Protein backbone atom coordinates (compact mmCIF):
# COMPACT_ATOMS: atom_id res chain seq x y z
CA CYS A 1 0.00 0.00 0.00
CA GLU A 2 1.51 3.29 -1.06
CA ARG A 3 -0.95 5.60 0.74
CA TRP A 4 0.37 7.85 3.48
CA CYS A 5 -1.68 6.14 6.17
CA CYS A 6 -0.32 2.75 5.38
CA THR A 7 2.99 1.44 6.55
CA ARG A 8 4.90 -1.53 5.36
CA THR A 9 7.14 -4.04 7.01
CA SER A 10 10.41 -4.08 5.17
CA ALA A 11 12.64 -7.07 4.70
CA MET A 12 14.69 -5.65 7.56
CA GLY A 13 11.73 -6.34 9.89
CA SER A 14 10.93 -2.76 10.96
CA ASN A 15 8.03 -2.18 13.31
CA THR A 16 5.02 -0.82 11.38
CA LYS A 17 1.29 -0.50 11.73
CA ALA A 18 -1.24 -1.69 9.17
CA ALA A 19 -4.16 0.43 8.02
CA ASN A 20 -6.89 -1.84 9.36
CA ASN A 21 -9.39 0.61 10.88
CA LYS A 22 -12.45 1.01 8.63
CA VAL A 23 -13.39 4.66 8.12
CA GLN A 24 -16.81 5.87 6.98
CA LEU A 25 -18.57 9.20 6.65
CA ALA A 26 -22.17 9.45 7.87
CA VAL A 27 -24.21 12.31 6.36
CA SER A 28 -27.81 13.41 6.81
CA VAL A 29 -29.84 16.38 5.65
CA LEU A 30 -30.65 18.87 8.38
CA GLY A 31 -34.26 19.82 8.79
CA GLY A 32 -35.21 23.33 9.83
CA VAL A 33 -32.50 25.18 7.88
CA GLN A 34 -34.38 26.67 4.94
CA ILE A 35 -32.33 28.75 2.49
CA PRO A 36 -33.39 28.63 -1.19
CA GLY A 37 -30.91 26.66 -3.31
CA PHE A 38 -29.02 25.51 -0.23
CA THR A 39 -29.00 22.19 1.60
CA ALA A 40 -27.55 21.96 5.09
CA TYR A 41 -25.98 18.69 6.23
CA HIS A 42 -24.93 17.05 9.46
CA SER A 43 -21.93 14.76 9.23
CA SER A 44 -19.95 12.51 11.50
CA VAL A 45 -17.10 10.06 11.14
CA MET A 46 -17.27 6.36 11.91
CA VAL A 47 -14.23 4.27 12.74
CA ASN A 48 -14.84 0.54 13.03
CA GLY A 49 -18.57 1.24 13.53
CA GLU A 50 -18.12 3.82 16.32
CA GLU A 51 -19.45 7.29 15.51
CA PHE A 52 -17.46 10.43 16.35
CA PHE A 53 -19.13 13.82 16.06
CA PHE A 54 -18.67 17.43 17.15
CA SER A 55 -21.21 19.61 18.95
CA ASP A 56 -21.12 22.34 21.59
CA ALA A 57 -20.19 19.57 24.05
CA GLY A 58 -16.97 18.89 22.09
CA ILE A 59 -16.12 15.59 20.42
CA SER A 60 -18.47 12.77 21.39
CA ALA A 61 -18.58 9.09 20.51
CA ASP A 62 -21.52 6.74 20.13
CA SER A 63 -22.29 3.36 18.64
CA ASN A 64 -25.74 3.95 17.09
CA LEU A 65 -25.47 7.15 14.98
CA SER A 66 -27.40 9.07 17.65
CA SER A 67 -26.16 12.44 16.37
CA HIS A 68 -28.20 11.87 13.18
CA LYS A 69 -31.51 11.35 14.98
CA ASN A 70 -33.69 14.36 14.14
CA PRO A 71 -37.19 14.77 15.63
CA GLN A 72 -38.11 17.10 12.74
CA MET A 73 -37.29 14.32 10.24
CA PRO A 74 -37.87 11.03 12.13
CA ASN A 75 -37.66 8.85 8.99
CA ASN A 76 -34.40 10.38 7.79
CA VAL A 77 -31.63 7.78 7.61
CA PRO A 78 -28.02 8.92 7.26
CA THR A 79 -26.07 8.05 4.14
CA ILE A 80 -22.95 6.01 4.96
CA ILE A 81 -19.98 6.48 2.64
CA ASP A 82 -16.97 4.16 2.80
CA MET A 83 -13.82 6.29 2.86
CA GLY A 84 -11.11 3.67 3.24
CA PHE A 85 -8.90 2.45 6.04
CA SER A 86 -6.58 4.11 8.52
CA GLN A 87 -3.73 3.09 10.74
CA TYR A 88 -5.32 5.26 13.43
CA SER A 89 -8.15 4.14 15.68
CA GLY A 90 -11.09 6.33 16.58
CA SER A 91 -9.72 6.98 20.06
CA GLN A 92 -6.35 8.00 18.59
CA MET A 93 -8.08 10.42 16.22
CA ARG A 94 -10.16 11.86 19.06
CA ALA A 95 -7.10 12.36 21.25
CA ALA A 96 -5.26 14.11 18.40
CA LEU A 97 -8.15 16.46 17.55
CA GLU A 98 -9.87 17.24 20.84
CA ARG A 99 -7.60 20.20 21.60
CA TYR A 100 -8.94 21.84 18.40
CA PHE A 101 -12.59 20.87 18.95
CA ARG A 102 -13.14 21.71 22.61
CA PRO A 103 -16.46 22.05 24.39
CA GLY A 104 -17.99 25.49 23.87
CA THR A 105 -16.17 26.17 20.56
CA TYR A 106 -18.92 25.02 18.18
CA ASP A 107 -20.00 27.71 15.69
CA LEU A 108 -22.70 26.91 13.13
CA LEU A 109 -21.05 28.98 10.39
CA ARG A 110 -17.36 28.62 11.16
CA LYS A 111 -16.58 25.48 13.18
CA ASN A 112 -19.32 22.89 13.06
CA CYS A 113 -19.87 19.14 12.71
CA ASN A 114 -18.76 19.23 9.07
CA SER A 115 -15.54 21.09 9.94
CA PHE A 116 -14.80 18.31 12.40
CA SER A 117 -15.69 15.54 9.94
CA ASP A 118 -13.45 17.08 7.29
CA THR A 119 -10.52 17.43 9.71
CA ALA A 120 -11.03 13.95 11.17
CA MET A 121 -11.28 12.41 7.70
CA PHE A 122 -8.07 14.09 6.61
CA TYR A 123 -6.31 12.91 9.77
CA LEU A 124 -7.52 9.35 9.27
CA THR A 125 -7.38 8.85 5.50
CA HIS A 126 -5.73 11.96 4.03
CA LYS A 127 -8.99 12.58 2.12
CA ARG A 128 -11.38 15.54 2.35
CA ILE A 129 -15.14 15.22 2.57
CA ASP A 130 -17.15 16.43 -0.43
CA SER A 131 -17.31 20.23 -0.52
CA LYS A 132 -21.13 20.20 -0.67
CA TYR A 133 -21.11 19.07 2.96
CA ARG A 134 -19.02 22.10 3.94
CA ALA A 135 -21.36 24.77 2.52
CA MET A 136 -22.15 26.33 5.92
CA GLU A 137 -18.46 27.03 6.59
CA LYS A 138 -18.05 28.51 3.12
CA MET A 139 -21.02 30.80 3.76
CA GLY A 140 -19.56 31.76 7.13
CA ALA A 141 -16.19 32.57 5.56
CA GLN A 142 -17.86 34.77 2.94
CA MET A 143 -19.90 36.58 5.58
CA GLN A 144 -16.82 37.21 7.71
CA GLY A 145 -15.52 39.68 5.13
CA MET A 146 -18.76 41.70 5.15
């Protein structure tokens, strides 16, 4: 495997770690945010089936996609996208990122669940989430200059 997150054991027998942690992106449409021509999303990252998400409480973990449960849209089921594998576990990712996503630092337009998912995904797989899921941050960045 030539990806950055993968390591190989050389013939010399060096100590390395395999990329064996399954990484997925969970995405659901947010209800209640109504802007013409704009769809707001909630996203979270799953590592080996455990969900990691960011809210005003900081980074949280859960095993049943609870952050995607929305009383305004009770039949909404999140879309799960396979993103690859990582050498890092979910707890390693959380430990590395929690100083940047502390409780009380959530901002709907500048530092939200999608900001976290994008950062976590890059940490885990060196991939970015689709830009359509980061529309709120883009809007916030544009508004900052006004």
